[in-house]
N, C-alpha and C. Protein backbone atom coordinates (compact mmCIF):
# COMPACT_ATOMS: atom_id res chain seq x y z
N UNK A 1 -156.33 -32.33 -133.64
CA UNK A 1 -157.12 -33.39 -134.22
C UNK A 1 -156.25 -34.61 -134.56
N UNK A 2 -155.01 -34.36 -134.95
CA UNK A 2 -154.10 -35.46 -135.27
C UNK A 2 -153.84 -36.31 -134.03
N UNK A 3 -153.71 -35.66 -132.88
CA UNK A 3 -153.46 -36.39 -131.65
C UNK A 3 -154.66 -37.28 -131.29
N UNK A 4 -155.86 -36.78 -131.47
CA UNK A 4 -157.06 -37.56 -131.20
C UNK A 4 -157.11 -38.79 -132.10
N UNK A 5 -156.81 -38.59 -133.38
CA UNK A 5 -156.80 -39.72 -134.33
C UNK A 5 -155.75 -40.74 -133.92
N UNK A 6 -154.60 -40.29 -133.48
CA UNK A 6 -153.54 -41.21 -133.06
C UNK A 6 -153.96 -42.01 -131.83
N UNK A 7 -154.60 -41.34 -130.88
CA UNK A 7 -155.07 -42.03 -129.67
C UNK A 7 -156.13 -43.07 -130.04
N UNK A 8 -157.07 -42.68 -130.91
CA UNK A 8 -158.10 -43.63 -131.33
C UNK A 8 -157.50 -44.81 -132.08
N UNK A 9 -156.51 -44.55 -132.93
CA UNK A 9 -155.84 -45.63 -133.65
C UNK A 9 -155.15 -46.58 -132.67
N UNK A 10 -154.51 -46.02 -131.65
CA UNK A 10 -153.86 -46.85 -130.62
C UNK A 10 -154.90 -47.72 -129.91
N UNK A 11 -156.05 -47.15 -129.60
CA UNK A 11 -157.10 -47.91 -128.93
C UNK A 11 -157.62 -49.04 -129.81
N UNK A 12 -157.82 -48.75 -131.09
CA UNK A 12 -158.29 -49.78 -132.02
C UNK A 12 -157.25 -50.89 -132.16
N UNK A 13 -155.98 -50.52 -132.21
CA UNK A 13 -154.93 -51.53 -132.31
C UNK A 13 -154.88 -52.38 -131.05
N UNK A 14 -155.17 -51.78 -129.90
CA UNK A 14 -155.22 -52.56 -128.66
C UNK A 14 -156.36 -53.58 -128.72
N UNK A 15 -157.50 -53.18 -129.26
CA UNK A 15 -158.62 -54.11 -129.42
C UNK A 15 -158.21 -55.23 -130.38
N UNK A 16 -157.45 -54.89 -131.43
CA UNK A 16 -156.94 -55.93 -132.34
C UNK A 16 -156.09 -56.94 -131.59
N UNK A 17 -155.24 -56.47 -130.69
CA UNK A 17 -154.40 -57.37 -129.90
C UNK A 17 -155.26 -58.23 -128.97
N UNK A 18 -156.25 -57.62 -128.33
CA UNK A 18 -157.16 -58.38 -127.47
C UNK A 18 -157.90 -59.45 -128.25
N UNK A 19 -158.24 -59.13 -129.48
CA UNK A 19 -159.00 -60.05 -130.32
C UNK A 19 -158.24 -61.35 -130.60
N UNK A 20 -156.95 -61.34 -130.41
CA UNK A 20 -156.13 -62.54 -130.61
C UNK A 20 -156.15 -63.45 -129.38
N UNK A 21 -156.64 -62.95 -128.25
CA UNK A 21 -156.64 -63.73 -127.02
C UNK A 21 -157.78 -64.73 -127.01
N UNK A 22 -157.57 -65.89 -126.40
CA UNK A 22 -158.68 -66.85 -126.29
C UNK A 22 -159.77 -66.29 -125.38
N UNK A 23 -161.01 -66.52 -125.77
CA UNK A 23 -162.13 -66.06 -124.96
C UNK A 23 -162.58 -64.64 -125.24
N UNK A 24 -161.89 -63.94 -126.14
CA UNK A 24 -162.26 -62.58 -126.49
C UNK A 24 -162.83 -62.58 -127.90
N UNK A 25 -163.98 -61.99 -128.07
CA UNK A 25 -164.60 -61.95 -129.38
C UNK A 25 -165.02 -60.53 -129.71
N UNK A 26 -164.54 -60.01 -130.83
CA UNK A 26 -164.89 -58.67 -131.29
C UNK A 26 -165.70 -58.81 -132.56
N UNK A 27 -166.89 -58.24 -132.57
CA UNK A 27 -167.74 -58.29 -133.76
C UNK A 27 -168.33 -56.91 -134.01
N UNK A 28 -168.45 -56.54 -135.26
CA UNK A 28 -168.98 -55.24 -135.67
C UNK A 28 -170.45 -55.40 -136.04
N UNK A 29 -171.26 -54.44 -135.61
CA UNK A 29 -172.67 -54.44 -135.99
C UNK A 29 -172.79 -53.97 -137.43
N UNK A 30 -173.56 -54.70 -138.21
CA UNK A 30 -173.81 -54.35 -139.60
C UNK A 30 -174.59 -53.04 -139.63
N UNK A 31 -174.02 -52.00 -140.21
CA UNK A 31 -174.66 -50.70 -140.27
C UNK A 31 -175.94 -50.69 -141.08
N UNK A 32 -176.15 -51.71 -141.88
CA UNK A 32 -177.35 -51.78 -142.72
C UNK A 32 -178.42 -52.69 -142.12
N UNK A 33 -178.21 -53.14 -140.90
CA UNK A 33 -179.18 -54.07 -140.29
C UNK A 33 -180.44 -53.32 -139.86
N UNK A 34 -181.51 -54.07 -139.80
CA UNK A 34 -182.78 -53.53 -139.33
C UNK A 34 -182.75 -53.45 -137.80
N UNK A 35 -183.70 -52.71 -137.23
CA UNK A 35 -183.77 -52.70 -135.76
C UNK A 35 -183.93 -54.12 -135.22
N UNK A 36 -183.36 -54.38 -134.08
CA UNK A 36 -183.42 -55.70 -133.47
C UNK A 36 -183.75 -55.57 -132.00
N UNK A 37 -184.28 -56.66 -131.43
CA UNK A 37 -184.68 -56.69 -130.03
C UNK A 37 -183.48 -56.37 -129.14
N UNK A 38 -183.66 -55.45 -128.21
CA UNK A 38 -182.59 -55.12 -127.28
C UNK A 38 -181.66 -54.03 -127.77
N UNK A 39 -181.94 -53.44 -128.93
CA UNK A 39 -181.05 -52.45 -129.51
C UNK A 39 -180.86 -51.23 -128.62
N UNK A 40 -181.88 -50.85 -127.90
CA UNK A 40 -181.80 -49.62 -127.12
C UNK A 40 -181.19 -49.82 -125.73
N UNK A 41 -180.89 -51.05 -125.36
CA UNK A 41 -180.35 -51.32 -124.02
C UNK A 41 -178.83 -51.48 -124.09
N UNK A 42 -178.15 -50.94 -123.10
CA UNK A 42 -176.71 -51.10 -123.00
C UNK A 42 -176.43 -52.04 -121.83
N UNK A 43 -175.85 -53.21 -122.15
CA UNK A 43 -175.60 -54.18 -121.09
C UNK A 43 -174.39 -55.03 -121.45
N UNK A 44 -173.86 -55.68 -120.43
CA UNK A 44 -172.74 -56.60 -120.58
C UNK A 44 -173.18 -57.95 -120.03
N UNK A 45 -173.05 -58.98 -120.87
CA UNK A 45 -173.38 -60.35 -120.44
C UNK A 45 -172.06 -61.05 -120.12
N UNK A 46 -171.99 -61.61 -118.93
CA UNK A 46 -170.79 -62.34 -118.55
C UNK A 46 -171.15 -63.79 -118.28
N UNK A 47 -170.43 -64.67 -118.94
CA UNK A 47 -170.59 -66.11 -118.71
C UNK A 47 -169.24 -66.65 -118.28
N UNK A 48 -169.27 -67.65 -117.45
CA UNK A 48 -168.04 -68.16 -116.87
C UNK A 48 -167.80 -69.60 -117.28
N UNK A 49 -166.56 -69.94 -117.44
CA UNK A 49 -166.18 -71.29 -117.84
C UNK A 49 -166.52 -72.28 -116.74
N UNK A 50 -166.23 -71.90 -115.52
CA UNK A 50 -166.51 -72.79 -114.39
C UNK A 50 -168.01 -72.88 -114.16
N UNK A 51 -168.52 -74.09 -114.14
CA UNK A 51 -169.96 -74.33 -114.02
C UNK A 51 -170.53 -73.89 -112.67
N UNK A 52 -169.68 -73.75 -111.67
CA UNK A 52 -170.19 -73.37 -110.35
C UNK A 52 -170.62 -71.90 -110.30
N UNK A 53 -170.24 -71.12 -111.32
CA UNK A 53 -170.63 -69.72 -111.39
C UNK A 53 -171.70 -69.53 -112.45
N UNK A 54 -172.81 -68.91 -112.06
CA UNK A 54 -173.85 -68.58 -113.02
C UNK A 54 -173.46 -67.31 -113.76
N UNK A 55 -174.03 -67.13 -114.94
CA UNK A 55 -173.80 -65.90 -115.69
C UNK A 55 -174.44 -64.72 -114.99
N UNK A 56 -174.00 -63.53 -115.33
CA UNK A 56 -174.58 -62.30 -114.79
C UNK A 56 -174.71 -61.29 -115.92
N UNK A 57 -175.60 -60.34 -115.73
CA UNK A 57 -175.78 -59.23 -116.66
C UNK A 57 -175.51 -57.94 -115.90
N UNK A 58 -174.69 -57.09 -116.48
CA UNK A 58 -174.47 -55.76 -115.94
C UNK A 58 -175.26 -54.81 -116.82
N UNK A 59 -176.30 -54.23 -116.26
CA UNK A 59 -177.19 -53.34 -117.00
C UNK A 59 -176.73 -51.91 -116.77
N UNK A 60 -176.41 -51.22 -117.85
CA UNK A 60 -175.96 -49.82 -117.78
C UNK A 60 -177.19 -48.93 -117.95
N UNK A 61 -177.48 -48.14 -116.94
CA UNK A 61 -178.69 -47.34 -116.96
C UNK A 61 -178.40 -45.88 -117.29
N UNK A 62 -179.40 -45.18 -117.76
CA UNK A 62 -179.24 -43.79 -118.17
C UNK A 62 -178.94 -42.86 -117.00
N UNK A 63 -179.39 -43.22 -115.82
CA UNK A 63 -179.16 -42.34 -114.67
C UNK A 63 -177.79 -42.57 -114.04
N UNK A 64 -176.98 -43.40 -114.64
CA UNK A 64 -175.61 -43.58 -114.20
C UNK A 64 -175.40 -44.70 -113.19
N UNK A 65 -176.47 -45.28 -112.69
CA UNK A 65 -176.33 -46.37 -111.74
C UNK A 65 -176.41 -47.70 -112.46
N UNK A 66 -175.36 -48.49 -112.37
CA UNK A 66 -175.37 -49.80 -113.01
C UNK A 66 -176.05 -50.81 -112.08
N UNK A 67 -176.70 -51.81 -112.70
CA UNK A 67 -177.43 -52.82 -111.95
C UNK A 67 -176.95 -54.20 -112.38
N UNK A 68 -176.70 -55.06 -111.39
CA UNK A 68 -176.31 -56.44 -111.65
C UNK A 68 -177.54 -57.32 -111.60
N UNK A 69 -177.74 -58.13 -112.65
CA UNK A 69 -178.86 -59.07 -112.70
C UNK A 69 -178.28 -60.48 -112.64
N UNK A 70 -178.71 -61.24 -111.65
CA UNK A 70 -178.11 -62.55 -111.43
C UNK A 70 -179.07 -63.72 -111.60
N UNK A 71 -180.35 -63.52 -111.38
CA UNK A 71 -181.27 -64.66 -111.47
C UNK A 71 -181.53 -65.02 -112.93
N UNK A 72 -181.90 -66.26 -113.14
CA UNK A 72 -182.20 -66.75 -114.49
C UNK A 72 -183.31 -65.91 -115.12
N UNK A 73 -184.36 -65.61 -114.35
CA UNK A 73 -185.50 -64.84 -114.87
C UNK A 73 -185.07 -63.43 -115.28
N UNK A 74 -184.17 -62.83 -114.52
CA UNK A 74 -183.69 -61.48 -114.86
C UNK A 74 -182.79 -61.50 -116.09
N UNK A 75 -181.99 -62.55 -116.23
CA UNK A 75 -181.04 -62.63 -117.34
C UNK A 75 -181.69 -63.02 -118.66
N UNK A 76 -182.81 -63.72 -118.61
CA UNK A 76 -183.43 -64.31 -119.80
C UNK A 76 -183.71 -63.30 -120.92
N UNK A 77 -184.27 -62.11 -120.65
CA UNK A 77 -184.51 -61.17 -121.75
C UNK A 77 -183.22 -60.73 -122.44
N UNK A 78 -182.13 -60.67 -121.70
CA UNK A 78 -180.85 -60.25 -122.26
C UNK A 78 -180.22 -61.38 -123.08
N UNK A 79 -180.47 -62.62 -122.66
CA UNK A 79 -180.05 -63.77 -123.48
C UNK A 79 -180.76 -63.72 -124.83
N UNK A 80 -182.09 -63.43 -124.80
CA UNK A 80 -182.85 -63.31 -126.05
C UNK A 80 -182.33 -62.17 -126.91
N UNK A 81 -181.99 -61.06 -126.26
CA UNK A 81 -181.46 -59.90 -127.00
C UNK A 81 -180.15 -60.27 -127.69
N UNK A 82 -179.30 -61.02 -127.01
CA UNK A 82 -178.03 -61.42 -127.63
C UNK A 82 -178.25 -62.36 -128.81
N UNK A 83 -179.22 -63.25 -128.68
CA UNK A 83 -179.55 -64.15 -129.78
C UNK A 83 -180.02 -63.36 -131.00
N UNK A 84 -180.90 -62.38 -130.78
CA UNK A 84 -181.39 -61.53 -131.88
C UNK A 84 -180.27 -60.66 -132.42
N UNK A 85 -179.42 -60.20 -131.54
CA UNK A 85 -178.30 -59.32 -131.91
C UNK A 85 -177.31 -60.03 -132.82
N UNK A 86 -177.16 -61.34 -132.62
CA UNK A 86 -176.21 -62.12 -133.41
C UNK A 86 -176.47 -61.99 -134.91
N UNK A 87 -177.73 -61.84 -135.30
CA UNK A 87 -178.06 -61.69 -136.72
C UNK A 87 -177.64 -60.36 -137.30
N UNK A 88 -177.36 -59.37 -136.45
CA UNK A 88 -176.95 -58.05 -136.91
C UNK A 88 -175.43 -57.88 -136.93
N UNK A 89 -174.71 -58.92 -136.55
CA UNK A 89 -173.26 -58.82 -136.44
C UNK A 89 -172.55 -59.35 -137.69
N UNK A 90 -171.46 -58.71 -138.02
CA UNK A 90 -170.58 -59.22 -139.08
C UNK A 90 -169.79 -60.39 -138.51
N UNK A 91 -169.21 -61.19 -139.39
CA UNK A 91 -168.41 -62.33 -138.93
C UNK A 91 -167.18 -61.82 -138.17
N UNK A 92 -166.58 -62.72 -137.39
CA UNK A 92 -165.37 -62.34 -136.65
C UNK A 92 -164.27 -61.89 -137.61
N UNK A 93 -164.12 -62.61 -138.72
CA UNK A 93 -163.07 -62.28 -139.69
C UNK A 93 -163.33 -60.91 -140.33
N UNK A 94 -164.56 -60.66 -140.75
CA UNK A 94 -164.87 -59.36 -141.37
C UNK A 94 -164.77 -58.23 -140.35
N UNK A 95 -165.18 -58.50 -139.12
CA UNK A 95 -165.07 -57.50 -138.06
C UNK A 95 -163.61 -57.14 -137.81
N UNK A 96 -162.75 -58.15 -137.75
CA UNK A 96 -161.31 -57.89 -137.54
C UNK A 96 -160.74 -57.09 -138.70
N UNK A 97 -161.17 -57.40 -139.92
CA UNK A 97 -160.70 -56.67 -141.09
C UNK A 97 -161.14 -55.20 -141.01
N UNK A 98 -162.38 -54.97 -140.65
CA UNK A 98 -162.89 -53.59 -140.52
C UNK A 98 -162.16 -52.84 -139.41
N UNK A 99 -161.87 -53.52 -138.33
CA UNK A 99 -161.12 -52.91 -137.24
C UNK A 99 -159.74 -52.48 -137.71
N UNK A 100 -159.06 -53.36 -138.44
CA UNK A 100 -157.74 -53.02 -138.96
C UNK A 100 -157.77 -51.85 -139.93
N UNK A 101 -158.76 -51.85 -140.82
CA UNK A 101 -158.88 -50.74 -141.79
C UNK A 101 -159.17 -49.42 -141.08
N UNK A 102 -159.99 -49.47 -140.03
CA UNK A 102 -160.32 -48.24 -139.29
C UNK A 102 -159.07 -47.66 -138.64
N UNK A 103 -158.24 -48.50 -138.03
CA UNK A 103 -157.03 -47.99 -137.39
C UNK A 103 -156.04 -47.47 -138.43
N UNK A 104 -155.99 -48.12 -139.59
CA UNK A 104 -155.11 -47.64 -140.66
C UNK A 104 -155.55 -46.28 -141.18
N UNK A 105 -156.85 -46.10 -141.37
CA UNK A 105 -157.35 -44.81 -141.86
C UNK A 105 -157.06 -43.70 -140.86
N UNK A 106 -157.09 -44.01 -139.59
CA UNK A 106 -156.76 -42.99 -138.58
C UNK A 106 -155.28 -42.67 -138.58
N UNK A 107 -154.44 -43.66 -138.85
CA UNK A 107 -152.99 -43.43 -138.88
C UNK A 107 -152.54 -42.71 -140.15
N UNK A 108 -153.18 -43.02 -141.26
CA UNK A 108 -152.76 -42.49 -142.56
C UNK A 108 -154.00 -42.03 -143.32
N UNK A 109 -154.58 -40.88 -142.93
CA UNK A 109 -155.87 -40.48 -143.48
C UNK A 109 -155.83 -39.87 -144.87
N UNK A 110 -154.66 -39.68 -145.47
CA UNK A 110 -154.60 -39.04 -146.78
C UNK A 110 -155.17 -39.94 -147.85
N UNK A 111 -156.09 -39.41 -148.69
CA UNK A 111 -156.66 -40.24 -149.76
C UNK A 111 -155.59 -40.64 -150.77
N UNK A 112 -155.68 -41.87 -151.19
CA UNK A 112 -154.75 -42.37 -152.20
C UNK A 112 -153.39 -42.75 -151.67
N UNK A 113 -153.15 -42.56 -150.39
CA UNK A 113 -151.85 -42.88 -149.82
C UNK A 113 -151.97 -44.22 -149.10
N UNK A 114 -151.55 -45.29 -149.78
CA UNK A 114 -151.68 -46.61 -149.18
C UNK A 114 -150.38 -47.10 -148.57
N UNK A 115 -149.39 -46.21 -148.44
CA UNK A 115 -148.13 -46.64 -147.84
C UNK A 115 -148.32 -47.11 -146.41
N UNK A 116 -149.25 -46.47 -145.67
CA UNK A 116 -149.55 -46.90 -144.31
C UNK A 116 -150.10 -48.31 -144.30
N UNK A 117 -150.98 -48.63 -145.27
CA UNK A 117 -151.53 -49.98 -145.38
C UNK A 117 -150.42 -50.99 -145.60
N UNK A 118 -149.51 -50.67 -146.50
CA UNK A 118 -148.42 -51.60 -146.81
C UNK A 118 -147.52 -51.81 -145.59
N UNK A 119 -147.20 -50.71 -144.89
CA UNK A 119 -146.35 -50.85 -143.72
C UNK A 119 -147.05 -51.65 -142.63
N UNK A 120 -148.34 -51.37 -142.43
CA UNK A 120 -149.10 -52.07 -141.39
C UNK A 120 -149.22 -53.56 -141.73
N UNK A 121 -149.52 -53.88 -142.99
CA UNK A 121 -149.62 -55.27 -143.40
C UNK A 121 -148.29 -55.98 -143.21
N UNK A 122 -147.21 -55.31 -143.52
CA UNK A 122 -145.90 -55.89 -143.32
C UNK A 122 -145.67 -56.17 -141.84
N UNK A 123 -146.03 -55.22 -140.99
CA UNK A 123 -145.84 -55.39 -139.57
C UNK A 123 -146.69 -56.56 -139.06
N UNK A 124 -147.94 -56.67 -139.53
CA UNK A 124 -148.80 -57.77 -139.10
C UNK A 124 -148.26 -59.11 -139.54
N UNK A 125 -147.80 -59.20 -140.79
CA UNK A 125 -147.27 -60.46 -141.31
C UNK A 125 -146.02 -60.86 -140.54
N UNK A 126 -145.11 -59.93 -140.29
CA UNK A 126 -143.90 -60.29 -139.58
C UNK A 126 -144.20 -60.65 -138.13
N UNK A 127 -145.21 -60.01 -137.53
CA UNK A 127 -145.56 -60.35 -136.15
C UNK A 127 -146.14 -61.76 -136.09
N UNK A 128 -146.91 -62.14 -137.10
CA UNK A 128 -147.52 -63.47 -137.10
C UNK A 128 -146.50 -64.56 -137.35
N UNK A 129 -145.46 -64.26 -138.13
CA UNK A 129 -144.45 -65.28 -138.43
C UNK A 129 -143.35 -65.31 -137.39
N UNK A 130 -143.38 -64.34 -136.44
CA UNK A 130 -142.40 -64.34 -135.38
C UNK A 130 -141.11 -63.64 -135.74
N UNK A 131 -141.10 -62.84 -136.79
CA UNK A 131 -139.88 -62.11 -137.16
C UNK A 131 -139.81 -60.77 -136.53
């Protein structure tokens, strides 16, 4: 079980690193939010910086076959779902904080032991200042 927690912590820390890249946005769904439009669908919306490329939706289906939706009419319900979904998301800052706390809890799960938090915060501060 310790190995699984370590692997999950590594994965969360990788997402933290990705979150620092331009164009990458990580947001956590508010666990107390009400049901929202599109909640039951699993999809990926891709938009491109270059105007010559239209956005696409990758729809993940239950039978294992993924479907690409490219026309405006096909993408429109998913655009609406993302707009509704935005109200259920925590801010980028709060999401990043929750991500960091989750990886810390996996690394140092003992109650009352905040030494892992202190070491991690130190590592983050020194990484940001370039030391």
